[in-house]
């Protein structure tokens, strides 16, 4: 009987030890970053700008820029499809170099507008290329 009791106690002790060992934690997979399917690399570039349409001039802030477009914030509203001229000075350029783009408003987001460049001069294209490719 002693051997039998000892075996049962050992079995119960082993079972309780197994139950006490926590299951290995399974790590939650990290959420994947949303893919950016844009054709051109976006770079943060915050600077004051002027956005001019055929009916009005508005002050805004350029938020980011790529070879094909930019994101701007305005207090005014613009309808998608509106053709605009975007004008801003290149920060830290002496004398201040002013560039301008012909563009079209392609989307409105909660924090601004996406615009697609339609026309820029060669010097402006060189600036944007150098800035976005570094």
Foldseek 3Di string as FASTA:
>chain_A
DVVVVVVVVVVVVVVVVVVPDDDPDDDDDDDDDDDDPDPWFKDFDWFWKWKAFPVDIFIWIWGIDTLWWTWIATPDDDDFFTWIKIWGWDPPDVVTDIFIFTWTFHDADPGTTIITTDDGDPVVSVVRCVVRVD
